């Protein structure tokens, strides 16, 4: 594609429906150009000029009336079938299925806009979370490298930051994160929900392997961080078994992480349809089971969630791991900036505690979920 002839305000001649009109949502958001780089086969990047970078999230807890997030990308090439953020693509007149996976919006100027917002006298240096909607270290980041500028802007302003990702590209920025960590709290989390390779490749086809993500956890630990692992979501009858959880927590502990947190599968509108299409194709014998579990809404029954929490807590404790405190606004690990001096000092220690002797795992009551 010849880019030199494209002006910053031009719309691509082959733009998708929703992008080809000056009145479209994306055009109004500052579309610069649409590109399909050959080294990113199957992906289309819609480069935009963002008007804002910081997103205010209502409903925060733990002493904060709200939370703050940054999303340098919209859409995600990780292509996780269960991703809760899929419906956000419908605002752009794109679908929550394949378009979400393959049509990625890139905020070219996000770091510059962020720096201006952080310089405002009204900015209170509240913690900012990245990775709450779409992954900041998805494949596009290898081309656009937006995260270093974001990290530098947050650190320069004295703003605590947290990163939740499935992307092993995080390792590229570990030296930068090390350099800013003495002056600003940095919290890292890796999402690794599936420890069966075949299932992981089927339901998260665009993500790095489980082994690669665990190696990234180890690299973060070696760099002096105390990363957490997110087992989100756990899938009924597929990844909520005792055997799967036992392997998961054993491998998490071996990688050097100290804490792990879980959630059950949520199937909201726009996600439900895409997930069931995958389930019917890959696990048709599970369809009726899932339809029964999700007959009353996006969440499984409270009884199942209570059963799952008990099982996870039991196996997690047996492997010497704890559940981290979460920020109720952003859904990520609660920033160490909000802890007291003693907790902050403990979080910054590099020493990995000795591996405990696993306690015997007592069977959970035989409730059939």
Protein backbone atom coordinates (compact mmCIF):
# COMPACT_ATOMS: atom_id res chain seq x y z
CA UNK A 1 0.00 0.00 0.00
CA UNK A 2 1.31 3.44 -0.94
CA UNK A 3 1.02 5.58 2.17
CA UNK A 4 2.75 8.69 0.89
CA UNK A 5 -0.33 9.76 -1.06
CA UNK A 6 -2.61 9.53 1.97
CA UNK A 7 -3.37 12.74 3.79
CA UNK A 8 -4.00 12.75 7.54
CA UNK A 9 -7.66 13.56 6.98
CA UNK A 10 -8.24 11.05 4.18
CA UNK A 11 -10.56 8.07 4.45
CA UNK A 12 -9.37 4.81 2.94
CA UNK A 13 -10.87 4.05 -0.47
CA UNK A 14 -11.59 0.47 0.65
CA UNK A 15 -12.85 1.39 4.11
CA UNK A 16 -15.36 -0.96 5.67
CA UNK A 17 -19.00 0.01 6.17
CA UNK A 18 -19.10 2.42 9.05
CA UNK A 19 -15.70 3.86 8.14
CA UNK A 20 -16.51 5.16 4.66
CA UNK A 21 -18.76 8.03 5.72
CA UNK A 22 -17.70 11.36 7.20
CA UNK A 23 -20.60 10.87 9.64
CA UNK A 24 -19.39 7.48 10.91
CA UNK A 25 -18.33 7.09 14.53
CA UNK A 26 -14.74 6.39 13.58
CA UNK A 27 -14.52 9.28 11.12
CA UNK A 28 -15.75 11.59 13.82
CA UNK A 29 -13.03 10.12 16.06
CA UNK A 30 -10.25 11.33 13.77
CA UNK A 31 -9.54 8.57 11.27
CA UNK A 32 -6.13 9.10 9.66
CA UNK A 33 -5.83 6.04 7.45
CA UNK A 34 -6.61 2.34 7.18
CA UNK A 35 -3.70 -0.04 6.59
CA UNK A 36 -3.27 -3.79 6.13
CA UNK A 37 0.44 -4.52 6.65
CA UNK A 38 1.52 -7.79 5.03
CA UNK A 39 3.42 -8.82 8.13
CA UNK A 40 0.10 -8.75 10.05
CA UNK A 41 -1.86 -11.07 7.79
CA UNK A 42 -5.60 -10.92 8.36
CA UNK A 43 -5.46 -7.72 10.43
CA UNK A 44 -6.60 -4.25 9.48
CA UNK A 45 -5.41 -1.25 11.48
CA UNK A 46 -7.52 1.92 11.55
CA UNK A 47 -5.21 4.70 12.71
CA UNK A 48 -6.95 7.54 14.51
CA UNK A 49 -6.06 10.74 16.31
CA UNK A 50 -7.54 10.49 19.79
CA UNK A 51 -9.09 13.48 21.51
CA UNK A 52 -8.62 12.01 24.97
CA UNK A 53 -6.59 9.27 26.63
CA UNK A 54 -7.80 8.97 30.22
CA UNK A 55 -11.13 7.23 30.77
CA UNK A 56 -13.00 7.81 34.00
CA UNK A 57 -14.67 4.64 35.29
CA UNK A 58 -17.54 5.13 37.77
CA UNK A 59 -18.28 2.86 40.66
CA UNK A 60 -14.87 2.52 42.22
CA UNK A 61 -14.41 1.31 45.75
CA UNK A 62 -11.71 1.07 48.34
CA UNK A 63 -11.57 4.79 49.06
CA UNK A 64 -11.89 5.92 45.43
CA UNK A 65 -15.15 7.23 43.97
CA UNK A 66 -14.02 6.11 40.50
CA UNK A 67 -11.11 4.64 38.60
CA UNK A 68 -9.03 5.64 35.59
CA UNK A 69 -8.06 3.57 32.57
CA UNK A 70 -6.27 4.00 29.23
CA UNK A 71 -7.03 1.94 26.13
CA UNK A 72 -4.53 2.62 23.31
CA UNK A 73 -6.36 0.13 21.06
CA UNK A 74 -9.96 -0.83 20.31
CA UNK A 75 -10.55 -4.37 19.13
CA UNK A 76 -8.05 -7.11 19.89
CA UNK A 77 -6.19 -9.61 17.76
CA UNK A 78 -5.99 -12.05 20.68
CA UNK A 79 -9.41 -13.16 19.39
CA UNK A 80 -10.50 -14.65 22.73
CA UNK A 81 -13.93 -16.11 22.06
CA UNK A 82 -15.19 -15.14 25.52
CA UNK A 83 -13.91 -11.52 25.58
CA UNK A 84 -16.41 -9.29 27.38
CA UNK A 85 -15.28 -6.22 25.40
CA UNK A 86 -16.60 -7.48 22.06
CA UNK A 87 -19.80 -5.38 22.08
CA UNK A 88 -17.76 -2.15 22.20
CA UNK A 89 -16.99 -2.62 18.50
CA UNK A 90 -20.65 -2.29 17.59
CA UNK A 91 -20.44 1.45 18.34
CA UNK A 92 -18.20 1.68 15.27
CA UNK A 93 -20.74 -0.14 13.08
CA UNK A 94 -18.55 -3.24 13.23
CA UNK A 95 -19.60 -6.62 14.56
CA UNK A 96 -18.60 -8.12 17.88
CA UNK A 97 -17.28 -11.26 16.21
CA UNK A 98 -14.64 -11.34 13.49
CA UNK A 99 -14.45 -7.56 13.19
CA UNK A 100 -13.48 -7.28 16.84
CA UNK A 101 -10.66 -9.75 16.23
CA UNK A 102 -9.39 -8.32 12.95
CA UNK A 103 -10.34 -4.61 12.77
CA UNK A 104 -8.15 -2.85 15.34
CA UNK A 105 -8.38 0.87 16.04
CA UNK A 106 -4.99 2.41 16.89
CA UNK A 107 -4.79 5.71 18.79
CA UNK A 108 -1.61 7.07 17.25
CA UNK A 109 -1.26 10.12 19.48
CA UNK A 110 -2.41 8.59 22.75
CA UNK A 111 0.87 9.28 24.61
CA UNK A 112 0.94 12.94 23.59
CA UNK A 113 -2.71 13.47 24.52
CA UNK A 114 -2.12 11.69 27.82
CA UNK A 115 0.84 13.91 28.69
CA UNK A 116 -1.34 17.00 28.21
CA UNK A 117 -4.11 15.56 30.39
CA UNK A 118 -1.68 14.62 33.16
CA UNK A 119 -0.25 18.15 33.16
CA UNK A 120 -3.58 19.69 34.12
CA UNK A 121 -3.65 21.22 37.63
CA UNK A 122 -6.81 19.24 38.35
CA UNK A 123 -5.08 15.85 37.88
CA UNK A 124 -4.82 14.15 41.29
CA UNK A 125 -2.40 11.35 40.30
CA UNK A 126 -4.91 8.60 40.97
CA UNK A 127 -3.79 5.13 39.85
CA UNK A 128 -4.35 4.39 36.15
CA UNK A 129 -5.01 0.88 34.82
CA UNK A 130 -4.10 -0.45 31.38
CA UNK A 131 -5.56 -3.64 29.92
CA UNK A 132 -9.04 -3.35 31.38
CA UNK A 133 -10.84 -3.42 28.03
CA UNK A 134 -8.56 -4.51 25.20
CA UNK A 135 -4.97 -5.67 25.56
CA UNK A 136 -2.27 -2.96 25.35
CA UNK A 137 0.31 -5.61 24.38
CA UNK A 138 -1.62 -7.26 21.56
CA UNK A 139 0.14 -7.76 18.22
CA UNK A 140 -0.46 -4.18 17.06
CA UNK A 141 1.83 -2.93 19.83
CA UNK A 142 4.75 -4.60 18.07
CA UNK A 143 4.18 -2.22 15.17
CA UNK A 144 3.06 0.98 16.89
CA UNK A 145 4.95 0.87 20.23
CA UNK A 146 2.48 3.10 22.06
CA UNK A 147 3.12 1.70 25.53
CA UNK A 148 6.59 3.16 26.18
CA UNK A 149 5.26 6.68 25.65
CA UNK A 150 2.28 5.98 27.90
CA UNK A 151 4.49 4.56 30.66
CA UNK A 152 6.88 7.50 30.42
CA UNK A 153 4.05 10.05 30.57
CA UNK A 154 2.49 8.41 33.63
CA UNK A 155 5.83 8.11 35.41
CA UNK A 156 6.86 11.68 34.62
CA UNK A 157 3.66 12.96 36.21
CA UNK A 158 4.01 10.77 39.30
CA UNK A 159 0.94 8.70 38.42
CA UNK A 160 0.81 5.08 39.66
CA UNK A 161 0.08 2.54 36.93
CA UNK A 162 -0.99 -1.05 36.57
CA UNK A 163 -0.87 -3.30 33.52
CA UNK A 164 -2.98 -6.40 32.85
CA UNK A 165 -2.05 -8.29 29.69
CA UNK A 166 -1.88 -11.61 27.86
CA UNK A 167 0.92 -10.27 25.69
CA UNK A 168 4.49 -11.44 26.09
CA UNK A 169 5.59 -8.18 24.47
CA UNK A 170 5.47 -6.86 28.03
CA UNK A 171 9.02 -8.23 28.32
CA UNK A 172 10.22 -5.54 25.90
CA UNK A 173 9.20 -2.84 28.37
CA UNK A 174 10.43 -4.46 31.59
CA UNK A 175 13.67 -2.39 31.60
CA UNK A 176 11.60 0.80 31.23
CA UNK A 177 9.22 -0.30 33.97
CA UNK A 178 12.21 -1.10 36.19
CA UNK A 179 13.59 2.37 35.63
CA UNK A 180 10.36 4.13 36.69
CA UNK A 181 9.37 1.77 39.53
CA UNK A 182 11.54 3.53 42.17
CA UNK A 183 9.61 6.76 41.63
CA UNK A 184 6.07 5.56 40.89
CA UNK A 185 4.16 2.41 41.93
CA UNK A 186 3.94 -0.17 39.12
CA UNK A 187 1.70 -3.24 39.37
CA UNK A 188 1.83 -6.03 36.76
CA UNK A 189 -0.64 -8.84 36.08
CA UNK A 190 -0.72 -11.56 33.43
CA UNK A 191 -3.96 -13.15 32.28
CA UNK A 192 -3.48 -16.93 31.93
CA UNK A 193 -6.80 -18.73 32.22
CA UNK A 194 -6.18 -21.96 30.30
CA UNK A 195 -3.51 -24.59 30.96
CA UNK A 196 -4.57 -27.08 28.28
CA UNK A 197 -2.65 -26.24 25.09
CA UNK A 198 -5.21 -27.54 22.62
CA UNK A 199 -8.08 -25.73 24.33
CA UNK A 200 -6.03 -22.54 24.66
CA UNK A 201 -5.24 -22.49 20.94
CA UNK A 202 -8.88 -23.10 20.10
CA UNK A 203 -10.51 -20.46 22.28
CA UNK A 204 -7.68 -17.86 22.37
CA UNK A 205 -6.17 -18.33 18.88
CA UNK A 206 -4.34 -15.01 18.76
CA UNK A 207 -2.67 -15.18 22.16
CA UNK A 208 0.84 -16.31 23.10
CA UNK A 209 1.01 -19.80 24.51
CA UNK A 210 0.52 -20.51 28.19
CA UNK A 211 4.20 -21.47 28.46
CA UNK A 212 5.26 -18.15 26.93
CA UNK A 213 3.09 -16.17 29.33
CA UNK A 214 4.38 -18.09 32.33
CA UNK A 215 7.92 -17.32 31.13
CA UNK A 216 6.93 -13.65 31.05
CA UNK A 217 5.79 -13.92 34.67
CA UNK A 218 9.21 -15.33 35.56
CA UNK A 219 10.93 -12.49 33.67
CA UNK A 220 8.84 -9.92 35.57
CA UNK A 221 9.72 -11.59 38.89
CA UNK A 222 13.40 -11.61 37.95
CA UNK A 223 13.08 -7.90 37.15
CA UNK A 224 11.92 -7.22 40.72
CA UNK A 225 8.14 -7.16 40.29
CA UNK A 226 5.51 -9.21 42.10
CA UNK A 227 3.06 -10.00 39.29
CA UNK A 228 -0.35 -11.54 39.82
CA UNK A 229 -2.07 -14.04 37.55
CA UNK A 230 -5.68 -13.72 36.39
CA UNK A 231 -7.52 -16.99 35.75
CA UNK A 232 -10.33 -15.17 34.00
CA UNK A 233 -12.61 -16.66 33.03
CA UNK A 234 -12.85 -20.22 34.25
CA UNK A 235 -15.03 -22.30 31.92
CA UNK A 236 -17.61 -24.71 33.35
CA UNK A 237 -16.61 -28.36 32.84
CA UNK A 238 -13.58 -27.31 30.78
CA UNK A 239 -11.22 -25.44 33.10
CA UNK A 240 -12.97 -25.54 36.47
CA UNK A 241 -11.96 -29.15 37.18
CA UNK A 242 -9.74 -29.94 40.13
CA UNK A 243 -7.08 -31.38 37.83
CA UNK A 244 -6.94 -28.25 35.69
CA UNK A 245 -6.83 -25.92 38.69
CA UNK A 246 -4.17 -27.99 40.41
CA UNK A 247 -1.94 -27.82 37.33
CA UNK A 248 -2.65 -24.11 36.90
CA UNK A 249 -1.68 -23.10 40.42
CA UNK A 250 1.35 -25.37 40.44
CA UNK A 251 2.68 -23.77 37.27
CA UNK A 252 1.85 -20.27 38.46
CA UNK A 253 3.76 -20.88 41.66
CA UNK A 254 6.69 -22.39 39.76
CA UNK A 255 6.84 -19.26 37.58
CA UNK A 256 7.34 -17.15 40.69
CA UNK A 257 3.96 -15.47 41.09
CA UNK A 258 2.58 -15.12 44.61
CA UNK A 259 -1.07 -14.34 43.93
CA UNK A 260 -3.81 -15.41 41.55
CA UNK A 261 -7.43 -14.45 41.12
CA UNK A 262 -10.31 -16.04 39.21
CA UNK A 263 -13.72 -15.25 37.80
CA UNK A 264 -16.49 -17.33 36.29
CA UNK A 265 -17.41 -17.02 32.62
CA UNK A 266 -19.68 -14.08 31.80
CA UNK A 267 -21.72 -14.23 28.59
CA UNK A 268 -23.33 -10.88 27.92
CA UNK A 269 -25.06 -9.83 24.70
CA UNK A 270 -22.67 -9.82 21.77
CA UNK A 271 -20.38 -12.29 23.55
CA UNK A 272 -22.95 -15.01 24.18
CA UNK A 273 -23.70 -15.53 20.49
CA UNK A 274 -20.03 -15.69 19.51
CA UNK A 275 -19.18 -18.05 22.38
CA UNK A 276 -22.04 -20.45 21.63
CA UNK A 277 -21.06 -20.56 17.96
CA UNK A 278 -17.60 -21.70 19.07
CA UNK A 279 -19.05 -24.17 21.59
CA UNK A 280 -21.36 -25.74 19.01
CA UNK A 281 -18.42 -26.14 16.65
CA UNK A 282 -15.78 -27.37 19.08
CA UNK A 283 -17.70 -28.93 21.99
CA UNK A 284 -21.25 -29.74 20.83
CA UNK A 285 -21.70 -32.13 23.74
CA UNK A 286 -21.45 -29.16 26.16
CA UNK A 287 -24.05 -26.91 24.53
CA UNK A 288 -27.08 -28.00 26.54
CA UNK A 289 -25.11 -27.83 29.77
CA UNK A 290 -24.09 -24.22 29.05
CA UNK A 291 -27.57 -23.23 27.94
CA UNK A 292 -28.88 -24.45 31.29
CA UNK A 293 -26.18 -22.62 33.26
CA UNK A 294 -26.75 -19.36 31.37
CA UNK A 295 -30.51 -19.52 30.97
CA UNK A 296 -31.18 -16.61 33.32
CA UNK A 297 -28.64 -14.06 32.14
CA UNK A 298 -24.95 -13.41 31.58
CA UNK A 299 -23.78 -15.11 34.79
CA UNK A 300 -24.06 -18.73 35.92
CA UNK A 301 -26.19 -19.38 39.03
CA UNK A 302 -24.99 -18.08 42.38
CA UNK A 303 -24.72 -21.65 43.64
CA UNK A 304 -22.23 -22.49 40.90
CA UNK A 305 -20.20 -19.34 41.56
CA UNK A 306 -20.05 -20.11 45.28
CA UNK A 307 -18.99 -23.69 44.55
CA UNK A 308 -16.32 -22.49 42.13
CA UNK A 309 -14.97 -19.91 44.60
CA UNK A 310 -14.65 -22.57 47.29
CA UNK A 311 -12.85 -24.96 44.98
CA UNK A 312 -10.46 -22.30 43.68
CA UNK A 313 -9.68 -21.01 47.16
CA UNK A 314 -8.92 -24.50 48.43
CA UNK A 315 -6.57 -25.46 45.60
CA UNK A 316 -4.93 -22.03 45.53
CA UNK A 317 -4.13 -22.18 49.25
CA UNK A 318 -2.74 -25.67 48.84
CA UNK A 319 -0.14 -24.21 46.50
CA UNK A 320 0.78 -21.33 48.81
CA UNK A 321 -0.83 -18.60 46.72
CA UNK A 322 -3.11 -15.81 47.83
CA UNK A 323 -5.90 -13.85 46.19
CA UNK A 324 -4.87 -10.23 45.50
CA UNK A 325 -7.08 -7.31 46.42
CA UNK A 326 -8.89 -5.92 43.39
CA UNK A 327 -9.94 -2.42 42.44
CA UNK A 328 -13.71 -2.62 42.09
CA UNK A 329 -13.80 0.13 39.46
CA UNK A 330 -11.26 -1.25 37.00
CA UNK A 331 -11.30 -4.95 37.87
CA UNK A 332 -7.52 -5.03 38.07
CA UNK A 333 -5.22 -5.53 41.05
CA UNK A 334 -5.59 -2.76 43.61
CA UNK A 335 -2.67 -0.39 43.22
CA UNK A 336 0.10 -0.60 45.79
CA UNK A 337 -0.11 3.20 45.84
CA UNK A 338 -3.30 2.78 47.88
CA UNK A 339 -1.63 0.58 50.50
CA UNK A 340 0.13 1.75 53.63
CA UNK A 341 3.94 2.14 53.84
CA UNK A 342 4.41 -1.34 55.27
CA UNK A 343 2.39 -2.97 52.49
CA UNK A 344 4.19 -0.96 49.83
CA UNK A 345 7.55 -2.03 51.23
CA UNK A 346 6.50 -5.67 51.24
CA UNK A 347 5.25 -5.46 47.67
CA UNK A 348 8.57 -4.10 46.47
CA UNK A 349 10.70 -6.90 47.92
CA UNK A 350 12.33 -9.03 45.30
CA UNK A 351 12.88 -12.18 47.33
CA UNK A 352 10.58 -15.05 46.38
CA UNK A 353 9.27 -16.83 49.48
CA UNK A 354 10.15 -20.49 49.93
CA UNK A 355 7.84 -23.01 48.33
CA UNK A 356 5.46 -24.24 51.02
CA UNK A 357 4.58 -27.83 51.64
CA UNK A 358 1.25 -28.38 49.93
CA UNK A 359 -1.54 -28.99 52.36
CA UNK A 360 -3.79 -31.95 51.65
CA UNK A 361 -6.72 -30.96 49.50
CA UNK A 362 -9.99 -31.97 51.09
CA UNK A 363 -12.83 -32.67 48.66
CA UNK A 364 -15.44 -29.98 48.23
CA UNK A 365 -18.97 -31.08 48.99
CA UNK A 366 -20.28 -33.17 46.14
CA UNK A 367 -22.43 -30.51 44.51
CA UNK A 368 -22.68 -31.40 40.86
CA UNK A 369 -21.74 -28.38 38.79
